[in-house]
Amino acid sequence: LSILVIGFLSFVIRPSTFLQFGGL
């Protein structure tokens, strides 16, 4: 649950991070 919470908060704080990764 802690991994999911940190991942969710990271996405809320900076959603553009996900776009920095490639397709795979």
mmCIF file of all heavy atoms, coordinates in Angstrom:
data_MODEL
# 
_entry.id   MODEL 
# 
loop_
_atom_site.group_PDB 
_atom_site.id 
_atom_site.type_symbol 
_atom_site.label_atom_id 
_atom_site.label_alt_id 
_atom_site.label_comp_id 
_atom_site.label_asym_id 
_atom_site.label_entity_id 
_atom_site.label_seq_id 
_atom_site.pdbx_PDB_ins_code 
_atom_site.Cartn_x 
_atom_site.Cartn_y 
_atom_site.Cartn_z 
_atom_site.occupancy 
_atom_site.B_iso_or_equiv 
_atom_site.pdbx_formal_charge 
_atom_site.auth_seq_id 
_atom_site.auth_comp_id 
_atom_site.auth_asym_id 
_atom_site.auth_atom_id 
_atom_site.pdbx_PDB_model_num 
ATOM 1   N N   . LEU A 1 1  ? 0.825  -1.209 0.000   1.00 0.00 ? 1  LEU A N   1 
ATOM 2   C CA  . LEU A 1 1  ? 0.000  0.000  0.000   1.00 0.00 ? 1  LEU A CA  1 
ATOM 3   C C   . LEU A 1 1  ? 0.859  1.259  0.000   1.00 0.00 ? 1  LEU A C   1 
ATOM 4   O O   . LEU A 1 1  ? 0.510  2.261  -0.631  1.00 0.00 ? 1  LEU A O   1 
ATOM 5   C CB  . LEU A 1 1  ? -0.927 0.001  1.219   1.00 0.00 ? 1  LEU A CB  1 
ATOM 6   C CG  . LEU A 1 1  ? -2.097 -0.990 1.174   1.00 0.00 ? 1  LEU A CG  1 
ATOM 7   C CD1 . LEU A 1 1  ? -2.829 -1.008 2.510   1.00 0.00 ? 1  LEU A CD1 1 
ATOM 8   C CD2 . LEU A 1 1  ? -3.057 -0.653 0.040   1.00 0.00 ? 1  LEU A CD2 1 
ATOM 9   N N   . SER A 1 2  ? 1.996  1.214  0.687   1.00 0.00 ? 2  SER A N   1 
ATOM 10  C CA  . SER A 1 2  ? 2.877  2.388  0.734   1.00 0.00 ? 2  SER A CA  1 
ATOM 11  C C   . SER A 1 2  ? 3.446  2.695  -0.646  1.00 0.00 ? 2  SER A C   1 
ATOM 12  O O   . SER A 1 2  ? 3.591  3.866  -1.033  1.00 0.00 ? 2  SER A O   1 
ATOM 13  C CB  . SER A 1 2  ? 4.012  2.169  1.746   1.00 0.00 ? 2  SER A CB  1 
ATOM 14  O OG  . SER A 1 2  ? 4.935  1.193  1.298   1.00 0.00 ? 2  SER A OG  1 
ATOM 15  N N   . ILE A 1 3  ? 3.772  1.660  -1.427  1.00 0.00 ? 3  ILE A N   1 
ATOM 16  C CA  . ILE A 1 3  ? 4.254  1.865  -2.795  1.00 0.00 ? 3  ILE A CA  1 
ATOM 17  C C   . ILE A 1 3  ? 3.183  2.539  -3.645  1.00 0.00 ? 3  ILE A C   1 
ATOM 18  O O   . ILE A 1 3  ? 3.455  3.488  -4.396  1.00 0.00 ? 3  ILE A O   1 
ATOM 19  C CB  . ILE A 1 3  ? 4.662  0.521  -3.434  1.00 0.00 ? 3  ILE A CB  1 
ATOM 20  C CG1 . ILE A 1 3  ? 5.890  -0.050 -2.723  1.00 0.00 ? 3  ILE A CG1 1 
ATOM 21  C CG2 . ILE A 1 3  ? 4.953  0.690  -4.923  1.00 0.00 ? 3  ILE A CG2 1 
ATOM 22  C CD1 . ILE A 1 3  ? 6.271  -1.442 -3.195  1.00 0.00 ? 3  ILE A CD1 1 
ATOM 23  N N   . LEU A 1 4  ? 1.940  2.074  -3.503  1.00 0.00 ? 4  LEU A N   1 
ATOM 24  C CA  . LEU A 1 4  ? 0.838  2.646  -4.277  1.00 0.00 ? 4  LEU A CA  1 
ATOM 25  C C   . LEU A 1 4  ? 0.558  4.093  -3.863  1.00 0.00 ? 4  LEU A C   1 
ATOM 26  O O   . LEU A 1 4  ? 0.314  4.949  -4.716  1.00 0.00 ? 4  LEU A O   1 
ATOM 27  C CB  . LEU A 1 4  ? -0.420 1.798  -4.083  1.00 0.00 ? 4  LEU A CB  1 
ATOM 28  C CG  . LEU A 1 4  ? -0.406 0.421  -4.769  1.00 0.00 ? 4  LEU A CG  1 
ATOM 29  C CD1 . LEU A 1 4  ? -1.602 -0.397 -4.321  1.00 0.00 ? 4  LEU A CD1 1 
ATOM 30  C CD2 . LEU A 1 4  ? -0.401 0.579  -6.287  1.00 0.00 ? 4  LEU A CD2 1 
ATOM 31  N N   . VAL A 1 5  ? 0.600  4.368  -2.563  1.00 0.00 ? 5  VAL A N   1 
ATOM 32  C CA  . VAL A 1 5  ? 0.328  5.723  -2.073  1.00 0.00 ? 5  VAL A CA  1 
ATOM 33  C C   . VAL A 1 5  ? 1.395  6.697  -2.563  1.00 0.00 ? 5  VAL A C   1 
ATOM 34  O O   . VAL A 1 5  ? 1.083  7.799  -3.045  1.00 0.00 ? 5  VAL A O   1 
ATOM 35  C CB  . VAL A 1 5  ? 0.243  5.741  -0.531  1.00 0.00 ? 5  VAL A CB  1 
ATOM 36  C CG1 . VAL A 1 5  ? 0.243  7.182  -0.011  1.00 0.00 ? 5  VAL A CG1 1 
ATOM 37  C CG2 . VAL A 1 5  ? -1.016 5.020  -0.066  1.00 0.00 ? 5  VAL A CG2 1 
ATOM 38  N N   . ILE A 1 6  ? 2.666  6.300  -2.455  1.00 0.00 ? 6  ILE A N   1 
ATOM 39  C CA  . ILE A 1 6  ? 3.747  7.175  -2.922  1.00 0.00 ? 6  ILE A CA  1 
ATOM 40  C C   . ILE A 1 6  ? 3.643  7.389  -4.430  1.00 0.00 ? 6  ILE A C   1 
ATOM 41  O O   . ILE A 1 6  ? 3.824  8.506  -4.936  1.00 0.00 ? 6  ILE A O   1 
ATOM 42  C CB  . ILE A 1 6  ? 5.123  6.582  -2.552  1.00 0.00 ? 6  ILE A CB  1 
ATOM 43  C CG1 . ILE A 1 6  ? 5.324  6.646  -1.035  1.00 0.00 ? 6  ILE A CG1 1 
ATOM 44  C CG2 . ILE A 1 6  ? 6.249  7.335  -3.256  1.00 0.00 ? 6  ILE A CG2 1 
ATOM 45  C CD1 . ILE A 1 6  ? 6.605  5.986  -0.555  1.00 0.00 ? 6  ILE A CD1 1 
ATOM 46  N N   . GLY A 1 7  ? 3.331  6.321  -5.172  1.00 0.00 ? 7  GLY A N   1 
ATOM 47  C CA  . GLY A 1 7  ? 3.169  6.454  -6.616  1.00 0.00 ? 7  GLY A CA  1 
ATOM 48  C C   . GLY A 1 7  ? 2.025  7.386  -6.972  1.00 0.00 ? 7  GLY A C   1 
ATOM 49  O O   . GLY A 1 7  ? 2.149  8.219  -7.879  1.00 0.00 ? 7  GLY A O   1 
ATOM 50  N N   . PHE A 1 8  ? 0.903  7.270  -6.248  1.00 0.00 ? 8  PHE A N   1 
ATOM 51  C CA  . PHE A 1 8  ? -0.257 8.131  -6.506  1.00 0.00 ? 8  PHE A CA  1 
ATOM 52  C C   . PHE A 1 8  ? 0.064  9.588  -6.188  1.00 0.00 ? 8  PHE A C   1 
ATOM 53  O O   . PHE A 1 8  ? -0.239 10.495 -6.986  1.00 0.00 ? 8  PHE A O   1 
ATOM 54  C CB  . PHE A 1 8  ? -1.445 7.652  -5.669  1.00 0.00 ? 8  PHE A CB  1 
ATOM 55  C CG  . PHE A 1 8  ? -2.646 8.560  -5.751  1.00 0.00 ? 8  PHE A CG  1 
ATOM 56  C CD1 . PHE A 1 8  ? -3.453 8.571  -6.881  1.00 0.00 ? 8  PHE A CD1 1 
ATOM 57  C CD2 . PHE A 1 8  ? -2.957 9.413  -4.698  1.00 0.00 ? 8  PHE A CD2 1 
ATOM 58  C CE1 . PHE A 1 8  ? -4.554 9.415  -6.960  1.00 0.00 ? 8  PHE A CE1 1 
ATOM 59  C CE2 . PHE A 1 8  ? -4.057 10.260 -4.768  1.00 0.00 ? 8  PHE A CE2 1 
ATOM 60  C CZ  . PHE A 1 8  ? -4.857 10.264 -5.897  1.00 0.00 ? 8  PHE A CZ  1 
ATOM 61  N N   . LEU A 1 9  ? 0.700  9.826  -5.028  1.00 0.00 ? 9  LEU A N   1 
ATOM 62  C CA  . LEU A 1 9  ? 1.050  11.193 -4.648  1.00 0.00 ? 9  LEU A CA  1 
ATOM 63  C C   . LEU A 1 9  ? 2.051  11.799 -5.627  1.00 0.00 ? 9  LEU A C   1 
ATOM 64  O O   . LEU A 1 9  ? 1.966  12.989 -5.960  1.00 0.00 ? 9  LEU A O   1 
ATOM 65  C CB  . LEU A 1 9  ? 1.622  11.208 -3.230  1.00 0.00 ? 9  LEU A CB  1 
ATOM 66  C CG  . LEU A 1 9  ? 0.634  10.896 -2.100  1.00 0.00 ? 9  LEU A CG  1 
ATOM 67  C CD1 . LEU A 1 9  ? 1.360  10.853 -0.757  1.00 0.00 ? 9  LEU A CD1 1 
ATOM 68  C CD2 . LEU A 1 9  ? -0.487 11.930 -2.060  1.00 0.00 ? 9  LEU A CD2 1 
ATOM 69  N N   . SER A 1 10 ? 2.974  10.988 -6.099  1.00 0.00 ? 10 SER A N   1 
ATOM 70  C CA  . SER A 1 10 ? 3.958  11.472 -7.074  1.00 0.00 ? 10 SER A CA  1 
ATOM 71  C C   . SER A 1 10 ? 3.268  11.893 -8.364  1.00 0.00 ? 10 SER A C   1 
ATOM 72  O O   . SER A 1 10 ? 3.634  12.908 -8.976  1.00 0.00 ? 10 SER A O   1 
ATOM 73  C CB  . SER A 1 10 ? 4.999  10.388 -7.362  1.00 0.00 ? 10 SER A CB  1 
ATOM 74  O OG  . SER A 1 10 ? 5.768  10.107 -6.208  1.00 0.00 ? 10 SER A OG  1 
ATOM 75  N N   . PHE A 1 11 ? 2.272  11.106 -8.782  1.00 0.00 ? 11 PHE A N   1 
ATOM 76  C CA  . PHE A 1 11 ? 1.541  11.452 -10.006 1.00 0.00 ? 11 PHE A CA  1 
ATOM 77  C C   . PHE A 1 11 ? 0.738  12.738 -9.820  1.00 0.00 ? 11 PHE A C   1 
ATOM 78  O O   . PHE A 1 11 ? 0.682  13.579 -10.719 1.00 0.00 ? 11 PHE A O   1 
ATOM 79  C CB  . PHE A 1 11 ? 0.600  10.313 -10.397 1.00 0.00 ? 11 PHE A CB  1 
ATOM 80  C CG  . PHE A 1 11 ? -0.188 10.585 -11.643 1.00 0.00 ? 11 PHE A CG  1 
ATOM 81  C CD1 . PHE A 1 11 ? 0.396  10.452 -12.888 1.00 0.00 ? 11 PHE A CD1 1 
ATOM 82  C CD2 . PHE A 1 11 ? -1.515 10.993 -11.567 1.00 0.00 ? 11 PHE A CD2 1 
ATOM 83  C CE1 . PHE A 1 11 ? -0.324 10.718 -14.054 1.00 0.00 ? 11 PHE A CE1 1 
ATOM 84  C CE2 . PHE A 1 11 ? -2.248 11.264 -12.720 1.00 0.00 ? 11 PHE A CE2 1 
ATOM 85  C CZ  . PHE A 1 11 ? -1.653 11.131 -13.964 1.00 0.00 ? 11 PHE A CZ  1 
ATOM 86  N N   . VAL A 1 12 ? 0.126  12.896 -8.628  1.00 0.00 ? 12 VAL A N   1 
ATOM 87  C CA  . VAL A 1 12 ? -0.657 14.109 -8.353  1.00 0.00 ? 12 VAL A CA  1 
ATOM 88  C C   . VAL A 1 12 ? 0.249  15.337 -8.325  1.00 0.00 ? 12 VAL A C   1 
ATOM 89  O O   . VAL A 1 12 ? -0.083 16.390 -8.880  1.00 0.00 ? 12 VAL A O   1 
ATOM 90  C CB  . VAL A 1 12 ? -1.413 13.966 -7.017  1.00 0.00 ? 12 VAL A CB  1 
ATOM 91  C CG1 . VAL A 1 12 ? -2.039 15.306 -6.602  1.00 0.00 ? 12 VAL A CG1 1 
ATOM 92  C CG2 . VAL A 1 12 ? -2.496 12.898 -7.132  1.00 0.00 ? 12 VAL A CG2 1 
ATOM 93  N N   . ILE A 1 13 ? 1.415  15.185 -7.677  1.00 0.00 ? 13 ILE A N   1 
ATOM 94  C CA  . ILE A 1 13 ? 2.342  16.310 -7.543  1.00 0.00 ? 13 ILE A CA  1 
ATOM 95  C C   . ILE A 1 13 ? 2.945  16.690 -8.893  1.00 0.00 ? 13 ILE A C   1 
ATOM 96  O O   . ILE A 1 13 ? 3.078  17.874 -9.215  1.00 0.00 ? 13 ILE A O   1 
ATOM 97  C CB  . ILE A 1 13 ? 3.464  15.958 -6.542  1.00 0.00 ? 13 ILE A CB  1 
ATOM 98  C CG1 . ILE A 1 13 ? 2.879  15.829 -5.129  1.00 0.00 ? 13 ILE A CG1 1 
ATOM 99  C CG2 . ILE A 1 13 ? 4.562  17.020 -6.561  1.00 0.00 ? 13 ILE A CG2 1 
ATOM 100 C CD1 . ILE A 1 13 ? 3.849  15.265 -4.120  1.00 0.00 ? 13 ILE A CD1 1 
ATOM 101 N N   . ARG A 1 14 ? 3.295  15.652 -9.687  1.00 0.00 ? 14 ARG A N   1 
ATOM 102 C CA  . ARG A 1 14 ? 3.960  15.937 -10.960 1.00 0.00 ? 14 ARG A CA  1 
ATOM 103 C C   . ARG A 1 14 ? 3.537  14.919 -12.017 1.00 0.00 ? 14 ARG A C   1 
ATOM 104 O O   . ARG A 1 14 ? 4.284  13.974 -12.337 1.00 0.00 ? 14 ARG A O   1 
ATOM 105 C CB  . ARG A 1 14 ? 5.488  15.913 -10.784 1.00 0.00 ? 14 ARG A CB  1 
ATOM 106 C CG  . ARG A 1 14 ? 6.232  16.612 -11.920 1.00 0.00 ? 14 ARG A CG  1 
ATOM 107 C CD  . ARG A 1 14 ? 7.721  16.679 -11.637 1.00 0.00 ? 14 ARG A CD  1 
ATOM 108 N NE  . ARG A 1 14 ? 8.387  17.463 -12.652 1.00 0.00 ? 14 ARG A NE  1 
ATOM 109 C CZ  . ARG A 1 14 ? 8.712  17.011 -13.875 1.00 0.00 ? 14 ARG A CZ  1 
ATOM 110 N NH1 . ARG A 1 14 ? 8.413  15.764 -14.225 1.00 0.00 ? 14 ARG A NH1 1 
ATOM 111 N NH2 . ARG A 1 14 ? 9.315  17.795 -14.741 1.00 0.00 ? 14 ARG A NH2 1 
ATOM 112 N N   . PRO A 1 15 ? 2.330  15.078 -12.582 1.00 0.00 ? 15 PRO A N   1 
ATOM 113 C CA  . PRO A 1 15 ? 1.825  14.113 -13.572 1.00 0.00 ? 15 PRO A CA  1 
ATOM 114 C C   . PRO A 1 15 ? 2.669  14.042 -14.845 1.00 0.00 ? 15 PRO A C   1 
ATOM 115 O O   . PRO A 1 15 ? 2.645  13.026 -15.541 1.00 0.00 ? 15 PRO A O   1 
ATOM 116 C CB  . PRO A 1 15 ? 0.410  14.627 -13.873 1.00 0.00 ? 15 PRO A CB  1 
ATOM 117 C CG  . PRO A 1 15 ? 0.412  16.067 -13.442 1.00 0.00 ? 15 PRO A CG  1 
ATOM 118 C CD  . PRO A 1 15 ? 1.353  16.138 -12.284 1.00 0.00 ? 15 PRO A CD  1 
ATOM 119 N N   . SER A 1 16 ? 3.406  15.087 -15.146 1.00 0.00 ? 16 SER A N   1 
ATOM 120 C CA  . SER A 1 16 ? 4.212  15.094 -16.378 1.00 0.00 ? 16 SER A CA  1 
ATOM 121 C C   . SER A 1 16 ? 5.378  14.104 -16.319 1.00 0.00 ? 16 SER A C   1 
ATOM 122 O O   . SER A 1 16 ? 5.958  13.772 -17.355 1.00 0.00 ? 16 SER A O   1 
ATOM 123 C CB  . SER A 1 16 ? 4.768  16.504 -16.642 1.00 0.00 ? 16 SER A CB  1 
ATOM 124 O OG  . SER A 1 16 ? 5.577  16.938 -15.559 1.00 0.00 ? 16 SER A OG  1 
ATOM 125 N N   . THR A 1 17 ? 5.714  13.622 -15.127 1.00 0.00 ? 17 THR A N   1 
ATOM 126 C CA  . THR A 1 17 ? 6.810  12.660 -14.993 1.00 0.00 ? 17 THR A CA  1 
ATOM 127 C C   . THR A 1 17 ? 6.558  11.419 -15.841 1.00 0.00 ? 17 THR A C   1 
ATOM 128 O O   . THR A 1 17 ? 7.469  10.887 -16.482 1.00 0.00 ? 17 THR A O   1 
ATOM 129 C CB  . THR A 1 17 ? 6.998  12.249 -13.522 1.00 0.00 ? 17 THR A CB  1 
ATOM 130 O OG1 . THR A 1 17 ? 7.430  13.377 -12.768 1.00 0.00 ? 17 THR A OG1 1 
ATOM 131 C CG2 . THR A 1 17 ? 8.039  11.141 -13.389 1.00 0.00 ? 17 THR A CG2 1 
ATOM 132 N N   . PHE A 1 18 ? 5.332  10.947 -15.856 1.00 0.00 ? 18 PHE A N   1 
ATOM 133 C CA  . PHE A 1 18 ? 4.991  9.737  -16.612 1.00 0.00 ? 18 PHE A CA  1 
ATOM 134 C C   . PHE A 1 18 ? 5.318  9.899  -18.091 1.00 0.00 ? 18 PHE A C   1 
ATOM 135 O O   . PHE A 1 18 ? 5.735  8.938  -18.759 1.00 0.00 ? 18 PHE A O   1 
ATOM 136 C CB  . PHE A 1 18 ? 3.503  9.422  -16.416 1.00 0.00 ? 18 PHE A CB  1 
ATOM 137 C CG  . PHE A 1 18 ? 3.053  8.161  -17.094 1.00 0.00 ? 18 PHE A CG  1 
ATOM 138 C CD1 . PHE A 1 18 ? 3.427  6.922  -16.606 1.00 0.00 ? 18 PHE A CD1 1 
ATOM 139 C CD2 . PHE A 1 18 ? 2.258  8.216  -18.227 1.00 0.00 ? 18 PHE A CD2 1 
ATOM 140 C CE1 . PHE A 1 18 ? 3.013  5.751  -17.232 1.00 0.00 ? 18 PHE A CE1 1 
ATOM 141 C CE2 . PHE A 1 18 ? 1.835  7.051  -18.867 1.00 0.00 ? 18 PHE A CE2 1 
ATOM 142 C CZ  . PHE A 1 18 ? 2.214  5.814  -18.358 1.00 0.00 ? 18 PHE A CZ  1 
ATOM 143 N N   . LEU A 1 19 ? 5.158  11.117 -18.601 1.00 0.00 ? 19 LEU A N   1 
ATOM 144 C CA  . LEU A 1 19 ? 5.402  11.364 -20.020 1.00 0.00 ? 19 LEU A CA  1 
ATOM 145 C C   . LEU A 1 19 ? 6.885  11.343 -20.369 1.00 0.00 ? 19 LEU A C   1 
ATOM 146 O O   . LEU A 1 19 ? 7.238  11.266 -21.556 1.00 0.00 ? 19 LEU A O   1 
ATOM 147 C CB  . LEU A 1 19 ? 4.799  12.716 -20.423 1.00 0.00 ? 19 LEU A CB  1 
ATOM 148 C CG  . LEU A 1 19 ? 3.281  12.865 -20.210 1.00 0.00 ? 19 LEU A CG  1 
ATOM 149 C CD1 . LEU A 1 19 ? 2.833  14.271 -20.578 1.00 0.00 ? 19 LEU A CD1 1 
ATOM 150 C CD2 . LEU A 1 19 ? 2.519  11.818 -21.028 1.00 0.00 ? 19 LEU A CD2 1 
ATOM 151 N N   . GLN A 1 20 ? 7.755  11.411 -19.361 1.00 0.00 ? 20 GLN A N   1 
ATOM 152 C CA  . GLN A 1 20 ? 9.195  11.393 -19.620 1.00 0.00 ? 20 GLN A CA  1 
ATOM 153 C C   . GLN A 1 20 ? 9.711  9.995  -19.948 1.00 0.00 ? 20 GLN A C   1 
ATOM 154 O O   . GLN A 1 20 ? 10.848 9.844  -20.413 1.00 0.00 ? 20 GLN A O   1 
ATOM 155 C CB  . GLN A 1 20 ? 9.946  11.952 -18.409 1.00 0.00 ? 20 GLN A CB  1 
ATOM 156 C CG  . GLN A 1 20 ? 9.682  13.431 -18.162 1.00 0.00 ? 20 GLN A CG  1 
ATOM 157 C CD  . GLN A 1 20 ? 10.387 13.955 -16.930 1.00 0.00 ? 20 GLN A CD  1 
ATOM 158 O OE1 . GLN A 1 20 ? 9.804  14.586 -16.065 1.00 0.00 ? 20 GLN A OE1 1 
ATOM 159 N NE2 . GLN A 1 20 ? 11.686 13.709 -16.834 1.00 0.00 ? 20 GLN A NE2 1 
ATOM 160 N N   . PHE A 1 21 ? 8.882  8.994  -19.701 1.00 0.00 ? 21 PHE A N   1 
ATOM 161 C CA  . PHE A 1 21 ? 9.279  7.611  -19.993 1.00 0.00 ? 21 PHE A CA  1 
ATOM 162 C C   . PHE A 1 21 ? 8.892  7.235  -21.420 1.00 0.00 ? 21 PHE A C   1 
ATOM 163 O O   . PHE A 1 21 ? 7.944  7.777  -21.991 1.00 0.00 ? 21 PHE A O   1 
ATOM 164 C CB  . PHE A 1 21 ? 8.598  6.649  -19.014 1.00 0.00 ? 21 PHE A CB  1 
ATOM 165 C CG  . PHE A 1 21 ? 9.109  6.727  -17.600 1.00 0.00 ? 21 PHE A CG  1 
ATOM 166 C CD1 . PHE A 1 21 ? 8.528  7.579  -16.682 1.00 0.00 ? 21 PHE A CD1 1 
ATOM 167 C CD2 . PHE A 1 21 ? 10.173 5.934  -17.190 1.00 0.00 ? 21 PHE A CD2 1 
ATOM 168 C CE1 . PHE A 1 21 ? 8.987  7.650  -15.380 1.00 0.00 ? 21 PHE A CE1 1 
ATOM 169 C CE2 . PHE A 1 21 ? 10.640 5.992  -15.889 1.00 0.00 ? 21 PHE A CE2 1 
ATOM 170 C CZ  . PHE A 1 21 ? 10.052 6.861  -14.986 1.00 0.00 ? 21 PHE A CZ  1 
ATOM 171 N N   . GLY A 1 22 ? 9.635  6.282  -21.976 1.00 0.00 ? 22 GLY A N   1 
ATOM 172 C CA  . GLY A 1 22 ? 9.322  5.778  -23.303 1.00 0.00 ? 22 GLY A CA  1 
ATOM 173 C C   . GLY A 1 22 ? 8.136  4.824  -23.277 1.00 0.00 ? 22 GLY A C   1 
ATOM 174 O O   . GLY A 1 22 ? 7.586  4.513  -22.214 1.00 0.00 ? 22 GLY A O   1 
ATOM 175 N N   . GLY A 1 23 ? 7.754  4.312  -24.450 1.00 0.00 ? 23 GLY A N   1 
ATOM 176 C CA  . GLY A 1 23 ? 6.583  3.455  -24.565 1.00 0.00 ? 23 GLY A CA  1 
ATOM 177 C C   . GLY A 1 23 ? 6.664  2.191  -23.721 1.00 0.00 ? 23 GLY A C   1 
ATOM 178 O O   . GLY A 1 23 ? 5.716  1.849  -22.999 1.00 0.00 ? 23 GLY A O   1 
ATOM 179 N N   . LEU A 1 24 ? 7.782  1.459  -23.809 1.00 0.00 ? 24 LEU A N   1 
ATOM 180 C CA  . LEU A 1 24 ? 7.934  0.227  -23.038 1.00 0.00 ? 24 LEU A CA  1 
ATOM 181 C C   . LEU A 1 24 ? 7.925  0.519  -21.545 1.00 0.00 ? 24 LEU A C   1 
ATOM 182 O O   . LEU A 1 24 ? 7.315  -0.223 -20.758 1.00 0.00 ? 24 LEU A O   1 
ATOM 183 C CB  . LEU A 1 24 ? 9.235  -0.479 -23.430 1.00 0.00 ? 24 LEU A CB  1 
ATOM 184 C CG  . LEU A 1 24 ? 9.571  -1.758 -22.647 1.00 0.00 ? 24 LEU A CG  1 
ATOM 185 C CD1 . LEU A 1 24 ? 8.455  -2.792 -22.795 1.00 0.00 ? 24 LEU A CD1 1 
ATOM 186 C CD2 . LEU A 1 24 ? 10.907 -2.335 -23.119 1.00 0.00 ? 24 LEU A CD2 1 
# 
